[in-house]
Amino acid sequence: YRVFLLDYYFRTKTSPDLSSPQKIGEAVAGL
């Protein structure tokens, strides 16, 4: 297969803070 890998953070060029369950929840809610 050919694959197109979508980058949710292409615009910001930053990764979310996933250091705690609360931060993970905030990242999910913010996407």
PDB file of all heavy atoms in Angstrom:
ATOM      1  N   TYR A   1       0.834  -1.200   0.000  1.00  0.00           N
ATOM      2  CA  TYR A   1       0.000   0.000   0.000  1.00  0.00           C
ATOM      3  C   TYR A   1       0.868   1.249   0.000  1.00  0.00           C
ATOM      4  O   TYR A   1       1.959   1.257   0.570  1.00  0.00           O
ATOM      5  CB  TYR A   1      -0.914   0.019   1.236  1.00  0.00           C
ATOM      6  CG  TYR A   1      -1.971  -1.048   1.177  1.00  0.00           C
ATOM      7  CD1 TYR A   1      -1.737  -2.312   1.714  1.00  0.00           C
ATOM      8  CD2 TYR A   1      -3.178  -0.817   0.535  1.00  0.00           C
ATOM      9  CE1 TYR A   1      -2.694  -3.319   1.621  1.00  0.00           C
ATOM     10  CE2 TYR A   1      -4.140  -1.813   0.441  1.00  0.00           C
ATOM     11  CZ  TYR A   1      -3.887  -3.055   0.986  1.00  0.00           C
ATOM     12  OH  TYR A   1      -4.830  -4.043   0.875  1.00  0.00           O
ATOM     13  N   ARG A   2       0.359   2.262  -0.658  1.00  0.00           N
ATOM     14  CA  ARG A   2       0.907   3.590  -0.444  1.00  0.00           C
ATOM     15  C   ARG A   2       0.210   4.169   0.777  1.00  0.00           C
ATOM     16  O   ARG A   2      -0.951   3.848   1.047  1.00  0.00           O
ATOM     17  CB  ARG A   2       0.686   4.464  -1.678  1.00  0.00           C
ATOM     18  CG  ARG A   2       1.480   3.997  -2.895  1.00  0.00           C
ATOM     19  CD  ARG A   2       1.218   4.867  -4.107  1.00  0.00           C
ATOM     20  NE  ARG A   2      -0.138   4.694  -4.603  1.00  0.00           N
ATOM     21  CZ  ARG A   2      -0.708   5.479  -5.521  1.00  0.00           C
ATOM     22  NH1 ARG A   2      -0.040   6.509  -5.998  1.00  0.00           N
ATOM     23  NH2 ARG A   2      -1.929   5.243  -5.941  1.00  0.00           N
ATOM     24  N   VAL A   3       0.915   5.024   1.514  1.00  0.00           N
ATOM     25  CA  VAL A   3       0.377   5.521   2.781  1.00  0.00           C
ATOM     26  C   VAL A   3       0.507   7.037   2.845  1.00  0.00           C
ATOM     27  O   VAL A   3       1.584   7.588   2.582  1.00  0.00           O
ATOM     28  CB  VAL A   3       1.126   4.898   3.987  1.00  0.00           C
ATOM     29  CG1 VAL A   3       0.559   5.441   5.308  1.00  0.00           C
ATOM     30  CG2 VAL A   3       1.028   3.374   3.951  1.00  0.00           C
ATOM     31  N   PHE A   4      -0.609   7.686   3.196  1.00  0.00           N
ATOM     32  CA  PHE A   4      -0.543   9.099   3.554  1.00  0.00           C
ATOM     33  C   PHE A   4      -0.696   9.197   5.063  1.00  0.00           C
ATOM     34  O   PHE A   4      -1.733   8.823   5.620  1.00  0.00           O
ATOM     35  CB  PHE A   4      -1.622   9.935   2.872  1.00  0.00           C
ATOM     36  CG  PHE A   4      -1.545  11.377   3.288  1.00  0.00           C
ATOM     37  CD1 PHE A   4      -0.581  12.210   2.737  1.00  0.00           C
ATOM     38  CD2 PHE A   4      -2.378  11.885   4.259  1.00  0.00           C
ATOM     39  CE1 PHE A   4      -0.465  13.524   3.153  1.00  0.00           C
ATOM     40  CE2 PHE A   4      -2.275  13.201   4.675  1.00  0.00           C
ATOM     41  CZ  PHE A   4      -1.317  14.023   4.118  1.00  0.00           C
ATOM     42  N   LEU A   5       0.347   9.671   5.724  1.00  0.00           N
ATOM     43  CA  LEU A   5       0.373   9.779   7.180  1.00  0.00           C
ATOM     44  C   LEU A   5       0.001  11.204   7.571  1.00  0.00           C
ATOM     45  O   LEU A   5       0.765  12.148   7.353  1.00  0.00           O
ATOM     46  CB  LEU A   5       1.769   9.412   7.693  1.00  0.00           C
ATOM     47  CG  LEU A   5       2.021   9.472   9.197  1.00  0.00           C
ATOM     48  CD1 LEU A   5       0.998   8.644   9.962  1.00  0.00           C
ATOM     49  CD2 LEU A   5       3.433   8.967   9.500  1.00  0.00           C
ATOM     50  N   LEU A   6      -1.193  11.366   8.116  1.00  0.00           N
ATOM     51  CA  LEU A   6      -1.670  12.698   8.493  1.00  0.00           C
ATOM     52  C   LEU A   6      -0.992  13.156   9.780  1.00  0.00           C
ATOM     53  O   LEU A   6      -0.906  12.402  10.758  1.00  0.00           O
ATOM     54  CB  LEU A   6      -3.189  12.675   8.690  1.00  0.00           C
ATOM     55  CG  LEU A   6      -3.843  14.035   8.950  1.00  0.00           C
ATOM     56  CD1 LEU A   6      -3.743  14.931   7.711  1.00  0.00           C
ATOM     57  CD2 LEU A   6      -5.302  13.871   9.344  1.00  0.00           C
ATOM     58  N   ASP A   7      -0.523  14.382   9.760  1.00  0.00           N
ATOM     59  CA  ASP A   7       0.141  14.978  10.933  1.00  0.00           C
ATOM     60  C   ASP A   7      -0.796  16.026  11.527  1.00  0.00           C
ATOM     61  O   ASP A   7      -0.957  17.118  10.974  1.00  0.00           O
ATOM     62  CB  ASP A   7       1.464  15.604  10.502  1.00  0.00           C
ATOM     63  CG  ASP A   7       2.252  16.197  11.660  1.00  0.00           C
ATOM     64  OD1 ASP A   7       1.768  16.133  12.811  1.00  0.00           O
ATOM     65  OD2 ASP A   7       3.353  16.716  11.410  1.00  0.00           O
ATOM     66  N   TYR A   8      -1.412  15.702  12.664  1.00  0.00           N
ATOM     67  CA  TYR A   8      -2.340  16.638  13.303  1.00  0.00           C
ATOM     68  C   TYR A   8      -1.655  17.955  13.680  1.00  0.00           C
ATOM     69  O   TYR A   8      -2.314  18.992  13.793  1.00  0.00           O
ATOM     70  CB  TYR A   8      -2.923  16.036  14.584  1.00  0.00           C
ATOM     71  CG  TYR A   8      -3.573  14.694  14.441  1.00  0.00           C
ATOM     72  CD1 TYR A   8      -3.337  13.687  15.385  1.00  0.00           C
ATOM     73  CD2 TYR A   8      -4.432  14.402  13.385  1.00  0.00           C
ATOM     74  CE1 TYR A   8      -3.930  12.446  15.283  1.00  0.00           C
ATOM     75  CE2 TYR A   8      -5.033  13.165  13.267  1.00  0.00           C
ATOM     76  CZ  TYR A   8      -4.777  12.189  14.223  1.00  0.00           C
ATOM     77  OH  TYR A   8      -5.363  10.948  14.132  1.00  0.00           O
ATOM     78  N   TYR A   9      -0.349  17.892  13.913  1.00  0.00           N
ATOM     79  CA  TYR A   9       0.382  19.038  14.447  1.00  0.00           C
ATOM     80  C   TYR A   9       1.285  19.680  13.391  1.00  0.00           C
ATOM     81  O   TYR A   9       2.272  20.336  13.718  1.00  0.00           O
ATOM     82  CB  TYR A   9       1.186  18.585  15.673  1.00  0.00           C
ATOM     83  CG  TYR A   9       0.332  17.794  16.643  1.00  0.00           C
ATOM     84  CD1 TYR A   9       0.560  16.438  16.856  1.00  0.00           C
ATOM     85  CD2 TYR A   9      -0.740  18.384  17.302  1.00  0.00           C
ATOM     86  CE1 TYR A   9      -0.254  15.697  17.706  1.00  0.00           C
ATOM     87  CE2 TYR A   9      -1.561  17.648  18.155  1.00  0.00           C
ATOM     88  CZ  TYR A   9      -1.307  16.305  18.346  1.00  0.00           C
ATOM     89  OH  TYR A   9      -2.110  15.578  19.186  1.00  0.00           O
ATOM     90  N   PHE A  10       0.919  19.482  12.139  1.00  0.00           N
ATOM     91  CA  PHE A  10       1.685  20.027  11.024  1.00  0.00           C
ATOM     92  C   PHE A  10       1.774  21.548  11.118  1.00  0.00           C
ATOM     93  O   PHE A  10       2.811  22.136  10.820  1.00  0.00           O
ATOM     94  CB  PHE A  10       1.016  19.614   9.709  1.00  0.00           C
ATOM     95  CG  PHE A  10       1.845  19.829   8.483  1.00  0.00           C
ATOM     96  CD1 PHE A  10       2.633  18.809   7.982  1.00  0.00           C
ATOM     97  CD2 PHE A  10       1.816  21.040   7.803  1.00  0.00           C
ATOM     98  CE1 PHE A  10       3.390  18.990   6.826  1.00  0.00           C
ATOM     99  CE2 PHE A  10       2.566  21.238   6.651  1.00  0.00           C
ATOM    100  CZ  PHE A  10       3.361  20.205   6.172  1.00  0.00           C
ATOM    101  N   ARG A  11       0.690  22.181  11.527  1.00  0.00           N
ATOM    102  CA  ARG A  11       0.650  23.637  11.592  1.00  0.00           C
ATOM    103  C   ARG A  11       1.567  24.186  12.683  1.00  0.00           C
ATOM    104  O   ARG A  11       2.310  25.142  12.473  1.00  0.00           O
ATOM    105  CB  ARG A  11      -0.777  24.121  11.869  1.00  0.00           C
ATOM    106  CG  ARG A  11      -1.784  23.784  10.799  1.00  0.00           C
ATOM    107  CD  ARG A  11      -3.196  24.029  11.302  1.00  0.00           C
ATOM    108  NE  ARG A  11      -4.191  23.722  10.301  1.00  0.00           N
ATOM    109  CZ  ARG A  11      -4.621  22.479  10.035  1.00  0.00           C
ATOM    110  NH1 ARG A  11      -4.122  21.436  10.696  1.00  0.00           N
ATOM    111  NH2 ARG A  11      -5.535  22.279   9.119  1.00  0.00           N
ATOM    112  N   THR A  12       1.499  23.593  13.853  1.00  0.00           N
ATOM    113  CA  THR A  12       2.213  24.126  15.008  1.00  0.00           C
ATOM    114  C   THR A  12       3.628  23.580  15.138  1.00  0.00           C
ATOM    115  O   THR A  12       4.464  24.164  15.835  1.00  0.00           O
ATOM    116  CB  THR A  12       1.447  23.794  16.302  1.00  0.00           C
ATOM    117  OG1 THR A  12       1.339  22.368  16.441  1.00  0.00           O
ATOM    118  CG2 THR A  12       0.051  24.408  16.263  1.00  0.00           C
ATOM    119  N   LYS A  13       3.886  22.416  14.485  1.00  0.00           N
ATOM    120  CA  LYS A  13       5.193  21.759  14.569  1.00  0.00           C
ATOM    121  C   LYS A  13       5.594  21.464  16.005  1.00  0.00           C
ATOM    122  O   LYS A  13       6.769  21.469  16.372  1.00  0.00           O
ATOM    123  CB  LYS A  13       6.269  22.609  13.878  1.00  0.00           C
ATOM    124  CG  LYS A  13       6.038  22.780  12.378  1.00  0.00           C
ATOM    125  CD  LYS A  13       7.112  23.622  11.738  1.00  0.00           C
ATOM    126  CE  LYS A  13       6.952  23.641  10.220  1.00  0.00           C
ATOM    127  NZ  LYS A  13       5.631  24.187   9.796  1.00  0.00           N
ATOM    128  N   THR A  14       4.592  21.219  16.847  1.00  0.00           N
ATOM    129  CA  THR A  14       4.842  20.857  18.243  1.00  0.00           C
ATOM    130  C   THR A  14       4.015  19.634  18.595  1.00  0.00           C
ATOM    131  O   THR A  14       2.969  19.384  17.988  1.00  0.00           O
ATOM    132  CB  THR A  14       4.467  22.002  19.198  1.00  0.00           C
ATOM    133  OG1 THR A  14       3.077  22.333  19.014  1.00  0.00           O
ATOM    134  CG2 THR A  14       5.315  23.240  18.931  1.00  0.00           C
ATOM    135  N   SER A  15       4.489  18.871  19.576  1.00  0.00           N
ATOM    136  CA  SER A  15       3.754  17.708  20.058  1.00  0.00           C
ATOM    137  C   SER A  15       3.031  18.075  21.350  1.00  0.00           C
ATOM    138  O   SER A  15       3.502  18.919  22.111  1.00  0.00           O
ATOM    139  CB  SER A  15       4.709  16.535  20.305  1.00  0.00           C
ATOM    140  OG  SER A  15       5.342  16.160  19.110  1.00  0.00           O
ATOM    141  N   PRO A  16       1.894  17.430  21.639  1.00  0.00           N
ATOM    142  CA  PRO A  16       1.159  17.759  22.859  1.00  0.00           C
ATOM    143  C   PRO A  16       1.867  17.245  24.103  1.00  0.00           C
ATOM    144  O   PRO A  16       2.660  16.297  24.046  1.00  0.00           O
ATOM    145  CB  PRO A  16      -0.185  17.049  22.657  1.00  0.00           C
ATOM    146  CG  PRO A  16       0.150  15.894  21.773  1.00  0.00           C
ATOM    147  CD  PRO A  16       1.228  16.380  20.844  1.00  0.00           C
ATOM    148  N   ASP A  17       1.589  17.874  25.224  1.00  0.00           N
ATOM    149  CA  ASP A  17       2.092  17.431  26.521  1.00  0.00           C
ATOM    150  C   ASP A  17       1.210  16.271  26.993  1.00  0.00           C
ATOM    151  O   ASP A  17       0.028  16.452  27.263  1.00  0.00           O
ATOM    152  CB  ASP A  17       2.034  18.590  27.522  1.00  0.00           C
ATOM    153  CG  ASP A  17       2.572  18.217  28.904  1.00  0.00           C
ATOM    154  OD1 ASP A  17       2.887  17.019  29.133  1.00  0.00           O
ATOM    155  OD2 ASP A  17       2.671  19.113  29.759  1.00  0.00           O
ATOM    156  N   LEU A  18       1.791  15.075  27.082  1.00  0.00           N
ATOM    157  CA  LEU A  18       1.048  13.882  27.482  1.00  0.00           C
ATOM    158  C   LEU A  18       1.614  13.310  28.779  1.00  0.00           C
ATOM    159  O   LEU A  18       1.587  12.110  29.005  1.00  0.00           O
ATOM    160  CB  LEU A  18       1.099  12.831  26.365  1.00  0.00           C
ATOM    161  CG  LEU A  18       0.623  13.281  24.983  1.00  0.00           C
ATOM    162  CD1 LEU A  18       0.791  12.160  23.969  1.00  0.00           C
ATOM    163  CD2 LEU A  18      -0.825  13.752  25.029  1.00  0.00           C
ATOM    164  N   SER A  19       2.101  14.189  29.638  1.00  0.00           N
ATOM    165  CA  SER A  19       2.823  13.763  30.831  1.00  0.00           C
ATOM    166  C   SER A  19       1.927  13.266  31.961  1.00  0.00           C
ATOM    167  O   SER A  19       2.413  12.715  32.940  1.00  0.00           O
ATOM    168  CB  SER A  19       3.695  14.912  31.347  1.00  0.00           C
ATOM    169  OG  SER A  19       2.903  16.058  31.638  1.00  0.00           O
ATOM    170  N   SER A  20       0.620  13.441  31.844  1.00  0.00           N
ATOM    171  CA  SER A  20      -0.306  12.983  32.881  1.00  0.00           C
ATOM    172  C   SER A  20      -1.650  12.689  32.238  1.00  0.00           C
ATOM    173  O   SER A  20      -1.946  13.184  31.137  1.00  0.00           O
ATOM    174  CB  SER A  20      -0.474  14.052  33.966  1.00  0.00           C
ATOM    175  OG  SER A  20      -1.183  15.176  33.458  1.00  0.00           O
ATOM    176  N   PRO A  21      -2.494  11.892  32.910  1.00  0.00           N
ATOM    177  CA  PRO A  21      -3.842  11.655  32.367  1.00  0.00           C
ATOM    178  C   PRO A  21      -4.610  12.941  32.114  1.00  0.00           C
ATOM    179  O   PRO A  21      -5.351  13.046  31.122  1.00  0.00           O
ATOM    180  CB  PRO A  21      -4.498  10.795  33.450  1.00  0.00           C
ATOM    181  CG  PRO A  21      -3.363  10.071  34.100  1.00  0.00           C
ATOM    182  CD  PRO A  21      -2.233  11.072  34.111  1.00  0.00           C
ATOM    183  N   GLN A  22      -4.428  13.931  32.983  1.00  0.00           N
ATOM    184  CA  GLN A  22      -5.109  15.214  32.792  1.00  0.00           C
ATOM    185  C   GLN A  22      -4.626  15.903  31.516  1.00  0.00           C
ATOM    186  O   GLN A  22      -5.430  16.417  30.730  1.00  0.00           O
ATOM    187  CB  GLN A  22      -4.873  16.133  33.988  1.00  0.00           C
ATOM    188  CG  GLN A  22      -5.547  17.501  33.839  1.00  0.00           C
ATOM    189  CD  GLN A  22      -5.280  18.421  35.021  1.00  0.00           C
ATOM    190  OE1 GLN A  22      -4.749  17.986  36.042  1.00  0.00           O
ATOM    191  NE2 GLN A  22      -5.634  19.685  34.888  1.00  0.00           N
ATOM    192  N   LYS A  23      -3.311  15.879  31.290  1.00  0.00           N
ATOM    193  CA  LYS A  23      -2.754  16.505  30.094  1.00  0.00           C
ATOM    194  C   LYS A  23      -3.218  15.775  28.825  1.00  0.00           C
ATOM    195  O   LYS A  23      -3.491  16.402  27.801  1.00  0.00           O
ATOM    196  CB  LYS A  23      -1.237  16.508  30.171  1.00  0.00           C
ATOM    197  CG  LYS A  23      -0.664  17.398  31.266  1.00  0.00           C
ATOM    198  CD  LYS A  23      -0.893  18.860  30.970  1.00  0.00           C
ATOM    199  CE  LYS A  23      -0.201  19.745  31.984  1.00  0.00           C
ATOM    200  NZ  LYS A  23      -0.440  21.196  31.730  1.00  0.00           N
ATOM    201  N   ILE A  24      -3.302  14.451  28.915  1.00  0.00           N
ATOM    202  CA  ILE A  24      -3.781  13.682  27.766  1.00  0.00           C
ATOM    203  C   ILE A  24      -5.219  14.074  27.436  1.00  0.00           C
ATOM    204  O   ILE A  24      -5.578  14.281  26.271  1.00  0.00           O
ATOM    205  CB  ILE A  24      -3.674  12.173  28.042  1.00  0.00           C
ATOM    206  CG1 ILE A  24      -2.202  11.758  28.148  1.00  0.00           C
ATOM    207  CG2 ILE A  24      -4.371  11.369  26.941  1.00  0.00           C
ATOM    208  CD1 ILE A  24      -2.007  10.327  28.608  1.00  0.00           C
ATOM    209  N   GLY A  25      -6.048  14.174  28.490  1.00  0.00           N
ATOM    210  CA  GLY A  25      -7.433  14.581  28.287  1.00  0.00           C
ATOM    211  C   GLY A  25      -7.536  15.960  27.662  1.00  0.00           C
ATOM    212  O   GLY A  25      -8.388  16.200  26.785  1.00  0.00           O
ATOM    213  N   GLU A  26      -6.671  16.876  28.098  1.00  0.00           N
ATOM    214  CA  GLU A  26      -6.673  18.227  27.545  1.00  0.00           C
ATOM    215  C   GLU A  26      -6.257  18.216  26.068  1.00  0.00           C
ATOM    216  O   GLU A  26      -6.815  18.955  25.257  1.00  0.00           O
ATOM    217  CB  GLU A  26      -5.736  19.122  28.350  1.00  0.00           C
ATOM    218  CG  GLU A  26      -6.234  19.414  29.763  1.00  0.00           C
ATOM    219  CD  GLU A  26      -5.206  20.140  30.616  1.00  0.00           C
ATOM    220  OE1 GLU A  26      -4.072  20.376  30.120  1.00  0.00           O
ATOM    221  OE2 GLU A  26      -5.515  20.475  31.772  1.00  0.00           O
ATOM    222  N   ALA A  27      -5.283  17.369  25.739  1.00  0.00           N
ATOM    223  CA  ALA A  27      -4.833  17.276  24.339  1.00  0.00           C
ATOM    224  C   ALA A  27      -5.932  16.732  23.441  1.00  0.00           C
ATOM    225  O   ALA A  27      -6.153  17.224  22.330  1.00  0.00           O
ATOM    226  CB  ALA A  27      -3.590  16.400  24.255  1.00  0.00           C
ATOM    227  N   VAL A  28      -6.641  15.701  23.921  1.00  0.00           N
ATOM    228  CA  VAL A  28      -7.746  15.129  23.152  1.00  0.00           C
ATOM    229  C   VAL A  28      -8.853  16.165  22.964  1.00  0.00           C
ATOM    230  O   VAL A  28      -9.364  16.348  21.851  1.00  0.00           O
ATOM    231  CB  VAL A  28      -8.291  13.864  23.845  1.00  0.00           C
ATOM    232  CG1 VAL A  28      -9.584  13.412  23.190  1.00  0.00           C
ATOM    233  CG2 VAL A  28      -7.258  12.750  23.822  1.00  0.00           C
ATOM    234  N   ALA A  29      -9.202  16.855  24.050  1.00  0.00           N
ATOM    235  CA  ALA A  29     -10.268  17.860  23.967  1.00  0.00           C
ATOM    236  C   ALA A  29      -9.873  19.015  23.056  1.00  0.00           C
ATOM    237  O   ALA A  29     -10.734  19.641  22.425  1.00  0.00           O
ATOM    238  CB  ALA A  29     -10.596  18.376  25.368  1.00  0.00           C
ATOM    239  N   GLY A  30      -8.573  19.312  22.984  1.00  0.00           N
ATOM    240  CA  GLY A  30      -8.120  20.450  22.199  1.00  0.00           C
ATOM    241  C   GLY A  30      -7.946  20.174  20.725  1.00  0.00           C
ATOM    242  O   GLY A  30      -7.763  21.110  19.929  1.00  0.00           O
ATOM    243  N   LEU A  31      -7.995  18.898  20.319  1.00  0.00           N
ATOM    244  CA  LEU A  31      -7.843  18.562  18.908  1.00  0.00           C
ATOM    245  C   LEU A  31      -9.210  18.612  18.236  1.00  0.00           C
ATOM    246  O   LEU A  31     -10.102  17.829  18.545  1.00  0.00           O
ATOM    247  CB  LEU A  31      -7.215  17.176  18.759  1.00  0.00           C
ATOM    248  CG  LEU A  31      -6.862  16.745  17.330  1.00  0.00           C
ATOM    249  CD1 LEU A  31      -5.872  17.710  16.697  1.00  0.00           C
ATOM    250  CD2 LEU A  31      -6.287  15.331  17.339  1.00  0.00           C
TER     251      LEU A  31
END
